Amino acid sequence: MKQKYDTYLFSAKEYMMLTLEVLGISLLFNYLFFRSMWGLLLIFPVGWLCFSKEKKRKLEKLRQTLHYHFKEAVSAIHTSVLSGHSLENSVKEAYLELEKTYGKSDVMVQELHMMCNQISLKIPVEELFADLGSRSKIDDIITFAHVIRIAKRTGGNLNQILQATWNTLSEKIETRQEIDAQLAAKKFEQNIMSLMPACIILYLQLTMPSFLLEMYTTSVGRIVMTFSLILYAAAYLLGSKIVDIEV
């Protein structure tokens, strides 16, 4: 079955772990801001938004891994073509090489494995890469499929084309990896800053429980805590949007 890159289906284990995570977050924020069953009912549905965010994160990670390992696949195909193999056999050699490096569960290895099966059915290599590009929406894969198609139709020098493609891919992906590393550091800082208000409230509750007692027992206090939670959520979403930069 071909991997889809626009939707993500959680496994039973992932679904269970994420459900427990949502429940834990809901209970924690209810304890910090409301301490009531009504508060839990208000927070819990919002917690399920974690599922959509986690799906997005999983898909981005999957596409990122595919993109990075695609560079290695092109390198292996180029090396095999240089040694005299046909493009079809080179794809098979690339599959075996990447399987040794990343294992059978790697997304690029799985794609190459399916390509090998389809090549044995006489499906053209360029169509297989075009299909992968169409499913993944990764421009470099789409371009690679076009280049391979043109090279096979015009009888161009496949060695030079693969070398030029790999050089371009290497420069782009290495630059992207550097940017991703910097963004990861900023996202970590943003997560730490987002936890600070909750940690302060938790500290006050544990060390001076009477200090915040009115916030949970009076109408005015509940309104203030509700407004504080809304501001806290808005600040978190704004911070996430600022560091969530498309490269």
C-alpha atoms as a PDB file:
ATOM      1  CA  MET A   1       0.000   0.000   0.000  1.00  0.00           C
ATOM      2  CA  LYS A   2       1.416   3.385  -1.030  1.00  0.00           C
ATOM      3  CA  GLN A   3       2.207   5.894   1.683  1.00  0.00           C
ATOM      4  CA  LYS A   4       0.028   9.002   1.718  1.00  0.00           C
ATOM      5  CA  TYR A   5       1.702  12.264   2.661  1.00  0.00           C
ATOM      6  CA  ASP A   6      -1.393  14.437   3.050  1.00  0.00           C
ATOM      7  CA  THR A   7      -3.054  12.390   5.805  1.00  0.00           C
ATOM      8  CA  TYR A   8      -1.707  10.491   8.795  1.00  0.00           C
ATOM      9  CA  LEU A   9      -3.360   7.544  10.524  1.00  0.00           C
ATOM     10  CA  PHE A  10      -2.315   6.902  14.108  1.00  0.00           C
ATOM     11  CA  SER A  11      -1.463   3.378  15.094  1.00  0.00           C
ATOM     12  CA  ALA A  12      -3.340   1.897  18.068  1.00  0.00           C
ATOM     13  CA  LYS A  13      -0.318   2.533  20.307  1.00  0.00           C
ATOM     14  CA  GLU A  14       0.077   6.136  19.123  1.00  0.00           C
ATOM     15  CA  TYR A  15      -3.638   6.770  19.573  1.00  0.00           C
ATOM     16  CA  MET A  16      -3.593   5.400  23.121  1.00  0.00           C
ATOM     17  CA  MET A  17      -0.481   7.364  24.120  1.00  0.00           C
ATOM     18  CA  LEU A  18      -1.849  10.602  22.677  1.00  0.00           C
ATOM     19  CA  THR A  19      -5.192  10.048  24.435  1.00  0.00           C
ATOM     20  CA  LEU A  20      -3.384   9.638  27.754  1.00  0.00           C
ATOM     21  CA  GLU A  21      -1.354  12.760  27.010  1.00  0.00           C
ATOM     22  CA  VAL A  22      -4.499  14.797  26.270  1.00  0.00           C
ATOM     23  CA  LEU A  23      -6.134  13.509  29.442  1.00  0.00           C
ATOM     24  CA  GLY A  24      -3.049  14.368  31.499  1.00  0.00           C
ATOM     25  CA  ILE A  25      -2.833  17.899  30.063  1.00  0.00           C
ATOM     26  CA  SER A  26      -6.554  18.440  30.661  1.00  0.00           C
ATOM     27  CA  LEU A  27      -6.300  17.312  34.289  1.00  0.00           C
ATOM     28  CA  LEU A  28      -3.218  19.468  34.879  1.00  0.00           C
ATOM     29  CA  PHE A  29      -4.765  22.639  33.474  1.00  0.00           C
ATOM     30  CA  ASN A  30      -8.010  21.979  35.319  1.00  0.00           C
ATOM     31  CA  TYR A  31      -5.991  21.727  38.536  1.00  0.00           C
ATOM     32  CA  LEU A  32      -4.075  24.925  37.773  1.00  0.00           C
ATOM     33  CA  PHE A  33      -6.974  27.101  36.601  1.00  0.00           C
ATOM     34  CA  PHE A  34     -10.340  25.713  37.763  1.00  0.00           C
ATOM     35  CA  ARG A  35     -10.296  22.738  40.142  1.00  0.00           C
ATOM     36  CA  SER A  36     -13.816  21.780  39.144  1.00  0.00           C
ATOM     37  CA  MET A  37     -15.598  19.232  37.002  1.00  0.00           C
ATOM     38  CA  TRP A  38     -17.073  22.028  34.880  1.00  0.00           C
ATOM     39  CA  GLY A  39     -13.581  23.318  34.220  1.00  0.00           C
ATOM     40  CA  LEU A  40     -12.465  19.875  33.101  1.00  0.00           C
ATOM     41  CA  LEU A  41     -15.388  19.666  30.701  1.00  0.00           C
ATOM     42  CA  LEU A  42     -14.332  23.012  29.224  1.00  0.00           C
ATOM     43  CA  ILE A  43     -10.650  22.085  28.881  1.00  0.00           C
ATOM     44  CA  PHE A  44     -10.953  18.497  27.691  1.00  0.00           C
ATOM     45  CA  PRO A  45     -12.479  19.224  24.241  1.00  0.00           C
ATOM     46  CA  VAL A  46      -9.746  21.795  23.616  1.00  0.00           C
ATOM     47  CA  GLY A  47      -7.173  19.169  24.508  1.00  0.00           C
ATOM     48  CA  TRP A  48      -8.316  17.083  21.562  1.00  0.00           C
ATOM     49  CA  LEU A  49      -6.875  19.755  19.292  1.00  0.00           C
ATOM     50  CA  CYS A  50      -3.585  18.105  20.198  1.00  0.00           C
ATOM     51  CA  PHE A  51      -4.532  15.330  17.783  1.00  0.00           C
ATOM     52  CA  SER A  52      -4.621  17.632  14.768  1.00  0.00           C
ATOM     53  CA  LYS A  53      -1.373  19.310  15.825  1.00  0.00           C
ATOM     54  CA  GLU A  54       0.316  15.951  16.335  1.00  0.00           C
ATOM     55  CA  LYS A  55      -0.897  14.743  12.934  1.00  0.00           C
ATOM     56  CA  LYS A  56       0.625  17.825  11.324  1.00  0.00           C
ATOM     57  CA  ARG A  57       3.907  17.278  13.175  1.00  0.00           C
ATOM     58  CA  LYS A  58       4.045  13.598  12.166  1.00  0.00           C
ATOM     59  CA  LEU A  59       3.396  14.429   8.514  1.00  0.00           C
ATOM     60  CA  GLU A  60       6.046  17.171   8.486  1.00  0.00           C
ATOM     61  CA  LYS A  61       8.559  14.796  10.075  1.00  0.00           C
ATOM     62  CA  LEU A  62       7.703  12.062   7.560  1.00  0.00           C
ATOM     63  CA  ARG A  63       8.105  14.394   4.571  1.00  0.00           C
ATOM     64  CA  GLN A  64      11.315  15.834   6.007  1.00  0.00           C
ATOM     65  CA  THR A  65      12.825  12.342   6.425  1.00  0.00           C
ATOM     66  CA  LEU A  66      11.750  11.412   2.902  1.00  0.00           C
ATOM     67  CA  HIS A  67      13.346  14.573   1.494  1.00  0.00           C
ATOM     68  CA  TYR A  68      16.630  14.144   3.355  1.00  0.00           C
ATOM     69  CA  HIS A  69      16.968  10.449   2.514  1.00  0.00           C
ATOM     70  CA  PHE A  70      15.986  11.094  -1.100  1.00  0.00           C
ATOM     71  CA  LYS A  71      19.354  12.825  -1.456  1.00  0.00           C
ATOM     72  CA  GLU A  72      21.051   9.609  -0.313  1.00  0.00           C
ATOM     73  CA  ALA A  73      18.966   7.613  -2.770  1.00  0.00           C
ATOM     74  CA  VAL A  74      20.023   9.863  -5.673  1.00  0.00           C
ATOM     75  CA  SER A  75      23.663   9.503  -4.586  1.00  0.00           C
ATOM     76  CA  ALA A  76      23.363   5.693  -4.512  1.00  0.00           C
ATOM     77  CA  ILE A  77      21.612   5.647  -7.915  1.00  0.00           C
ATOM     78  CA  HIS A  78      24.322   7.883  -9.385  1.00  0.00           C
ATOM     79  CA  THR A  79      27.117   5.660  -8.026  1.00  0.00           C
ATOM     80  CA  SER A  80      25.433   2.568  -9.440  1.00  0.00           C
ATOM     81  CA  VAL A  81      24.923   4.178 -12.871  1.00  0.00           C
ATOM     82  CA  LEU A  82      28.602   5.199 -12.915  1.00  0.00           C
ATOM     83  CA  SER A  83      29.572   1.571 -12.345  1.00  0.00           C
ATOM     84  CA  GLY A  84      27.651   0.569 -15.469  1.00  0.00           C
ATOM     85  CA  HIS A  85      24.240  -0.475 -14.174  1.00  0.00           C
ATOM     86  CA  SER A  86      21.011   0.545 -15.857  1.00  0.00           C
ATOM     87  CA  LEU A  87      18.770   3.070 -14.143  1.00  0.00           C
ATOM     88  CA  GLU A  88      16.325   0.321 -13.190  1.00  0.00           C
ATOM     89  CA  ASN A  89      19.035  -1.824 -11.589  1.00  0.00           C
ATOM     90  CA  SER A  90      20.486   1.265  -9.945  1.00  0.00           C
ATOM     91  CA  VAL A  91      17.200   1.835  -8.121  1.00  0.00           C
ATOM     92  CA  LYS A  92      17.433  -1.719  -6.785  1.00  0.00           C
ATOM     93  CA  GLU A  93      21.031  -1.127  -5.689  1.00  0.00           C
ATOM     94  CA  ALA A  94      19.975   2.094  -3.965  1.00  0.00           C
ATOM     95  CA  TYR A  95      17.261   0.182  -2.117  1.00  0.00           C
ATOM     96  CA  LEU A  96      19.752  -2.386  -0.813  1.00  0.00           C
ATOM     97  CA  GLU A  97      22.232   0.309   0.233  1.00  0.00           C
ATOM     98  CA  LEU A  98      19.701   2.477   2.059  1.00  0.00           C
ATOM     99  CA  GLU A  99      18.167  -0.569   3.723  1.00  0.00           C
ATOM    100  CA  LYS A 100      21.556  -1.336   5.295  1.00  0.00           C
ATOM    101  CA  THR A 101      21.899   2.273   6.456  1.00  0.00           C
ATOM    102  CA  TYR A 102      18.383   3.155   7.675  1.00  0.00           C
ATOM    103  CA  GLY A 103      16.570  -0.176   8.025  1.00  0.00           C
ATOM    104  CA  LYS A 104      13.385  -1.520   6.446  1.00  0.00           C
ATOM    105  CA  SER A 105      11.085   0.838   8.366  1.00  0.00           C
ATOM    106  CA  ASP A 106      12.574   3.988   6.809  1.00  0.00           C
ATOM    107  CA  VAL A 107      10.124   5.831   4.561  1.00  0.00           C
ATOM    108  CA  MET A 108      12.562   6.196   1.632  1.00  0.00           C
ATOM    109  CA  VAL A 109      13.548   2.529   1.887  1.00  0.00           C
ATOM    110  CA  GLN A 110       9.894   1.533   1.733  1.00  0.00           C
ATOM    111  CA  GLU A 111       9.355   3.732  -1.323  1.00  0.00           C
ATOM    112  CA  LEU A 112      12.370   2.207  -3.076  1.00  0.00           C
ATOM    113  CA  HIS A 113      11.131  -1.274  -2.198  1.00  0.00           C
ATOM    114  CA  MET A 114       7.782  -0.546  -3.858  1.00  0.00           C
ATOM    115  CA  MET A 115       9.613   0.900  -6.866  1.00  0.00           C
ATOM    116  CA  CYS A 116      11.629  -2.306  -7.217  1.00  0.00           C
ATOM    117  CA  ASN A 117       8.426  -4.361  -7.222  1.00  0.00           C
ATOM    118  CA  GLN A 118       6.859  -2.075  -9.830  1.00  0.00           C
ATOM    119  CA  ILE A 119       9.998  -2.068 -11.978  1.00  0.00           C
ATOM    120  CA  SER A 120       9.688  -5.849 -12.194  1.00  0.00           C
ATOM    121  CA  LEU A 121       6.235  -5.207 -13.680  1.00  0.00           C
ATOM    122  CA  LYS A 122       7.861  -3.062 -16.409  1.00  0.00           C
ATOM    123  CA  ILE A 123       6.625   0.272 -15.048  1.00  0.00           C
ATOM    124  CA  PRO A 124       9.024   3.070 -16.141  1.00  0.00           C
ATOM    125  CA  VAL A 125      11.276   4.503 -13.434  1.00  0.00           C
ATOM    126  CA  GLU A 126      10.380   8.090 -14.295  1.00  0.00           C
ATOM    127  CA  GLU A 127       6.693   7.342 -13.698  1.00  0.00           C
ATOM    128  CA  LEU A 128       7.494   5.870 -10.293  1.00  0.00           C
ATOM    129  CA  PHE A 129       9.399   8.990  -9.206  1.00  0.00           C
ATOM    130  CA  ALA A 130       6.659  11.193 -10.676  1.00  0.00           C
ATOM    131  CA  ASP A 131       4.112   9.296  -8.579  1.00  0.00           C
ATOM    132  CA  LEU A 132       6.256   9.757  -5.453  1.00  0.00           C
ATOM    133  CA  GLY A 133       6.599  13.457  -6.186  1.00  0.00           C
ATOM    134  CA  SER A 134       2.841  13.768  -6.686  1.00  0.00           C
ATOM    135  CA  ARG A 135       2.091  12.051  -3.374  1.00  0.00           C
ATOM    136  CA  SER A 136       4.763  13.831  -1.320  1.00  0.00           C
ATOM    137  CA  LYS A 137       4.451  17.293  -2.940  1.00  0.00           C
ATOM    138  CA  ILE A 138       8.253  17.664  -2.619  1.00  0.00           C
ATOM    139  CA  ASP A 139       9.542  19.876  -5.434  1.00  0.00           C
ATOM    140  CA  ASP A 140      12.964  18.193  -5.649  1.00  0.00           C
ATOM    141  CA  ILE A 141      11.404  14.780  -6.282  1.00  0.00           C
ATOM    142  CA  ILE A 142       8.999  16.218  -8.849  1.00  0.00           C
ATOM    143  CA  THR A 143      11.902  17.933 -10.631  1.00  0.00           C
ATOM    144  CA  PHE A 144      13.991  14.769 -10.514  1.00  0.00           C
ATOM    145  CA  ALA A 145      11.187  12.802 -12.196  1.00  0.00           C
ATOM    146  CA  HIS A 146      10.957  15.427 -14.966  1.00  0.00           C
ATOM    147  CA  VAL A 147      14.729  15.396 -15.478  1.00  0.00           C
ATOM    148  CA  ILE A 148      14.844  11.590 -15.698  1.00  0.00           C
ATOM    149  CA  ARG A 149      11.942  11.577 -18.174  1.00  0.00           C
ATOM    150  CA  ILE A 150      13.638  14.162 -20.426  1.00  0.00           C
ATOM    151  CA  ALA A 151      17.007  12.385 -20.215  1.00  0.00           C
ATOM    152  CA  LYS A 152      15.506   9.052 -21.271  1.00  0.00           C
ATOM    153  CA  ARG A 153      13.529  10.601 -24.124  1.00  0.00           C
ATOM    154  CA  THR A 154      16.392  12.692 -25.521  1.00  0.00           C
ATOM    155  CA  GLY A 155      19.213  10.282 -24.790  1.00  0.00           C
ATOM    156  CA  GLY A 156      21.022  12.790 -22.552  1.00  0.00           C
ATOM    157  CA  ASN A 157      24.063  11.964 -20.458  1.00  0.00           C
ATOM    158  CA  LEU A 158      22.466  10.343 -17.424  1.00  0.00           C
ATOM    159  CA  ASN A 159      25.707  10.429 -15.410  1.00  0.00           C
ATOM    160  CA  GLN A 160      26.056  14.193 -15.748  1.00  0.00           C
ATOM    161  CA  ILE A 161      22.375  14.744 -15.046  1.00  0.00           C
ATOM    162  CA  LEU A 162      22.476  12.659 -11.869  1.00  0.00           C
ATOM    163  CA  GLN A 163      25.672  14.379 -10.726  1.00  0.00           C
ATOM    164  CA  ALA A 164      24.192  17.848 -11.279  1.00  0.00           C
ATOM    165  CA  THR A 165      20.951  16.826  -9.553  1.00  0.00           C
ATOM    166  CA  TRP A 166      22.806  15.440  -6.545  1.00  0.00           C
ATOM    167  CA  ASN A 167      24.979  18.566  -6.238  1.00  0.00           C
ATOM    168  CA  THR A 168      21.895  20.786  -6.253  1.00  0.00           C
ATOM    169  CA  LEU A 169      20.092  18.550  -3.776  1.00  0.00           C
ATOM    170  CA  SER A 170      23.088  18.473  -1.439  1.00  0.00           C
ATOM    171  CA  GLU A 171      23.382  22.253  -1.309  1.00  0.00           C
ATOM    172  CA  LYS A 172      19.650  22.771  -0.763  1.00  0.00           C
ATOM    173  CA  ILE A 173      19.236  20.066   1.860  1.00  0.00           C
ATOM    174  CA  GLU A 174      22.382  20.983   3.801  1.00  0.00           C
ATOM    175  CA  THR A 175      21.173  24.586   3.939  1.00  0.00           C
ATOM    176  CA  ARG A 176      17.736  23.439   5.036  1.00  0.00           C
ATOM    177  CA  GLN A 177      19.215  21.205   7.748  1.00  0.00           C
ATOM    178  CA  GLU A 178      21.146  24.160   9.160  1.00  0.00           C
ATOM    179  CA  ILE A 179      17.978  26.272   9.200  1.00  0.00           C
ATOM    180  CA  ASP A 180      15.982  23.416  10.769  1.00  0.00           C
ATOM    181  CA  ALA A 181      18.599  23.085  13.527  1.00  0.00           C
ATOM    182  CA  GLN A 182      18.335  26.802  14.341  1.00  0.00           C
ATOM    183  CA  LEU A 183      14.531  26.659  14.290  1.00  0.00           C
ATOM    184  CA  ALA A 184      14.551  23.607  16.575  1.00  0.00           C
ATOM    185  CA  ALA A 185      16.551  25.589  19.144  1.00  0.00           C
ATOM    186  CA  LYS A 186      14.074  28.481  18.946  1.00  0.00           C
ATOM    187  CA  LYS A 187      11.113  26.112  19.270  1.00  0.00           C
ATOM    188  CA  PHE A 188      12.701  24.572  22.369  1.00  0.00           C
ATOM    189  CA  GLU A 189      13.143  28.044  23.887  1.00  0.00           C
ATOM    190  CA  GLN A 190       9.525  28.873  23.062  1.00  0.00           C
ATOM    191  CA  ASN A 191       8.322  25.668  24.760  1.00  0.00           C
ATOM    192  CA  ILE A 192      10.324  26.487  27.902  1.00  0.00           C
ATOM    193  CA  MET A 193       8.897  30.014  27.991  1.00  0.00           C
ATOM    194  CA  SER A 194       5.381  28.643  27.500  1.00  0.00           C
ATOM    195  CA  LEU A 195       5.765  26.390  30.537  1.00  0.00           C
ATOM    196  CA  MET A 196       6.872  29.188  32.854  1.00  0.00           C
ATOM    197  CA  PRO A 197       3.412  30.637  33.719  1.00  0.00           C
ATOM    198  CA  ALA A 198       2.027  27.179  34.495  1.00  0.00           C
ATOM    199  CA  CYS A 199       5.100  26.386  36.612  1.00  0.00           C
ATOM    200  CA  ILE A 200       4.678  29.633  38.569  1.00  0.00           C
ATOM    201  CA  ILE A 201       1.012  28.853  39.333  1.00  0.00           C
ATOM    202  CA  LEU A 202       1.930  25.304  40.342  1.00  0.00           C
ATOM    203  CA  TYR A 203       4.718  26.590  42.606  1.00  0.00           C
ATOM    204  CA  LEU A 204       2.333  29.017  44.341  1.00  0.00           C
ATOM    205  CA  GLN A 205      -0.249  26.280  44.818  1.00  0.00           C
ATOM    206  CA  LEU A 206       2.271  23.928  46.383  1.00  0.00           C
ATOM    207  CA  THR A 207       4.056  26.444  48.590  1.00  0.00           C
ATOM    208  CA  MET A 208       1.277  28.960  49.418  1.00  0.00           C
ATOM    209  CA  PRO A 209      -2.081  27.266  48.725  1.00  0.00           C
ATOM    210  CA  SER A 210      -4.076  29.925  50.591  1.00  0.00           C
ATOM    211  CA  PHE A 211      -2.613  32.671  48.380  1.00  0.00           C
ATOM    212  CA  LEU A 212      -4.689  31.565  45.358  1.00  0.00           C
ATOM    213  CA  LEU A 213      -7.643  30.105  47.229  1.00  0.00           C
ATOM    214  CA  GLU A 214     -10.048  32.878  46.261  1.00  0.00           C
ATOM    215  CA  MET A 215      -9.286  32.280  42.582  1.00  0.00           C
ATOM    216  CA  TYR A 216     -10.986  28.866  42.843  1.00  0.00           C
ATOM    217  CA  THR A 217     -13.788  29.604  45.296  1.00  0.00           C
ATOM    218  CA  THR A 218     -15.280  32.932  44.151  1.00  0.00           C
ATOM    219  CA  SER A 219     -17.052  33.976  40.968  1.00  0.00           C
ATOM    220  CA  VAL A 220     -14.605  36.825  40.333  1.00  0.00           C
ATOM    221  CA  GLY A 221     -11.680  34.490  40.855  1.00  0.00           C
ATOM    222  CA  ARG A 222     -13.038  31.938  38.382  1.00  0.00           C
ATOM    223  CA  ILE A 223     -13.574  34.691  35.787  1.00  0.00           C
ATOM    224  CA  VAL A 224      -9.997  35.902  36.287  1.00  0.00           C
ATOM    225  CA  MET A 225      -8.598  32.379  35.950  1.00  0.00           C
ATOM    226  CA  THR A 226     -10.688  31.732  32.837  1.00  0.00           C
ATOM    227  CA  PHE A 227      -9.440  34.954  31.273  1.00  0.00           C
ATOM    228  CA  SER A 228      -5.870  34.035  32.289  1.00  0.00           C
ATOM    229  CA  LEU A 229      -6.193  30.637  30.614  1.00  0.00           C
ATOM    230  CA  ILE A 230      -7.476  32.267  27.423  1.00  0.00           C
ATOM    231  CA  LEU A 231      -4.520  34.693  27.408  1.00  0.00           C
ATOM    232  CA  TYR A 232      -2.132  31.829  28.138  1.00  0.00           C
ATOM    233  CA  ALA A 233      -3.510  29.750  25.243  1.00  0.00           C
ATOM    234  CA  ALA A 234      -3.426  32.763  22.898  1.00  0.00           C
ATOM    235  CA  ALA A 235       0.195  33.518  23.841  1.00  0.00           C
ATOM    236  CA  TYR A 236       1.164  29.882  23.260  1.00  0.00           C
ATOM    237  CA  LEU A 237      -0.508  29.767  19.853  1.00  0.00           C
ATOM    238  CA  LEU A 238       1.082  33.071  18.840  1.00  0.00           C
ATOM    239  CA  GLY A 239       4.513  31.891  19.954  1.00  0.00           C
ATOM    240  CA  SER A 240       4.087  28.609  18.067  1.00  0.00           C
ATOM    241  CA  LYS A 241       3.066  30.486  14.922  1.00  0.00           C
ATOM    242  CA  ILE A 242       6.100  32.789  15.136  1.00  0.00           C
ATOM    243  CA  VAL A 243       8.610  29.905  15.275  1.00  0.00           C
ATOM    244  CA  ASP A 244       6.670  27.707  12.836  1.00  0.00           C
ATOM    245  CA  ILE A 245       8.462  29.011   9.745  1.00  0.00           C
ATOM    246  CA  GLU A 246       8.137  27.273   6.395  1.00  0.00           C
ATOM    247  CA  VAL A 247      11.566  26.784   4.811  1.00  0.00           C
END
